[in-house]
Amino acid sequence: MVTEEYKQLSYSDVGMACGFQVRAKTEAEVMKHAKTHAAEAHGLKEISADTEKKIKAAIKTVSADVPAKK
């Protein structure tokens, strides 16, 4: 196992009553998944600039153990 760092977002950290959580290698990937989820699950076609700032501020860096690459 190898420990790697990821960016993680939980919608609950932004004040949303939603259990959505995403973990990805970059902030850009997290935002892409968050926007897709907002559109598909909540019908939001756009995320306001203020909400995007809140989301980015809520993204945390976490460590996770992953299998070592062979």
Protein backbone atom coordinates (compact mmCIF):
# COMPACT_ATOMS: atom_id res chain seq x y z
CA MET A 1 0.00 0.00 0.00
CA VAL A 2 1.05 3.54 -0.74
CA THR A 3 -0.33 6.69 0.86
CA GLU A 4 -1.40 9.34 -1.65
CA GLU A 5 -2.95 12.77 -1.25
CA TYR A 6 -6.33 13.62 -2.72
CA LYS A 7 -8.68 16.57 -2.77
CA GLN A 8 -12.03 15.83 -1.12
CA LEU A 9 -15.37 17.62 -0.99
CA SER A 10 -18.49 16.78 0.97
CA TYR A 11 -21.59 18.78 0.06
CA SER A 12 -22.48 18.80 3.75
CA ASP A 13 -19.35 20.93 4.33
CA VAL A 14 -20.91 23.58 2.07
CA GLY A 15 -24.19 23.54 4.01
CA MET A 16 -26.09 21.31 1.58
CA ALA A 17 -28.43 18.63 2.92
CA CYS A 18 -26.88 16.09 0.59
CA GLY A 19 -24.64 13.10 1.21
CA PHE A 20 -22.58 13.63 -1.94
CA GLN A 21 -18.84 13.28 -1.45
CA VAL A 22 -16.08 13.24 -4.04
CA ARG A 23 -12.38 12.56 -3.86
CA ALA A 24 -10.04 13.23 -6.80
CA LYS A 25 -6.40 14.00 -7.49
CA THR A 26 -6.95 17.70 -8.33
CA GLU A 27 -9.25 20.53 -7.31
CA ALA A 28 -10.31 20.87 -10.97
CA GLU A 29 -11.49 17.23 -11.02
CA VAL A 30 -13.41 17.74 -7.76
CA MET A 31 -15.14 20.80 -9.23
CA LYS A 32 -16.02 18.91 -12.40
CA HIS A 33 -17.66 16.12 -10.41
CA ALA A 34 -19.41 18.61 -8.10
CA LYS A 35 -20.89 20.49 -11.06
CA THR A 36 -22.01 17.26 -12.72
CA HIS A 37 -23.65 16.11 -9.49
CA ALA A 38 -25.36 19.49 -9.00
CA ALA A 39 -26.82 19.29 -12.50
CA GLU A 40 -27.87 15.64 -12.45
CA ALA A 41 -29.08 15.30 -8.85
CA HIS A 42 -30.31 18.81 -8.11
CA GLY A 43 -31.20 20.24 -11.53
CA LEU A 44 -28.72 23.11 -11.21
CA LYS A 45 -27.50 24.10 -14.64
CA GLU A 46 -24.99 26.58 -13.23
CA ILE A 47 -23.22 27.17 -9.95
CA SER A 48 -23.00 30.82 -8.93
CA ALA A 49 -19.61 32.42 -8.41
CA ASP A 50 -20.31 32.74 -4.67
CA THR A 51 -21.25 29.06 -4.37
CA GLU A 52 -18.18 28.06 -6.38
CA LYS A 53 -16.02 30.02 -3.91
CA LYS A 54 -17.72 28.24 -0.99
CA ILE A 55 -17.14 24.87 -2.63
CA LYS A 56 -13.46 25.59 -3.31
CA ALA A 57 -13.00 26.76 0.28
CA ALA A 58 -14.53 23.48 1.54
CA ILE A 59 -12.19 21.24 -0.46
CA LYS A 60 -9.78 19.47 1.87
CA THR A 61 -6.56 17.60 1.22
CA VAL A 62 -6.79 14.06 2.58
CA SER A 63 -4.52 11.04 2.58
CA ALA A 64 -5.65 7.62 1.44
CA ASP A 65 -3.94 4.27 1.23
CA VAL A 66 -4.04 2.83 -2.26
CA PRO A 67 -2.55 -0.34 -3.72
CA ALA A 68 1.00 0.11 -4.98
CA LYS A 69 1.34 0.22 -8.76
CA LYS A 70 3.10 -2.77 -10.26
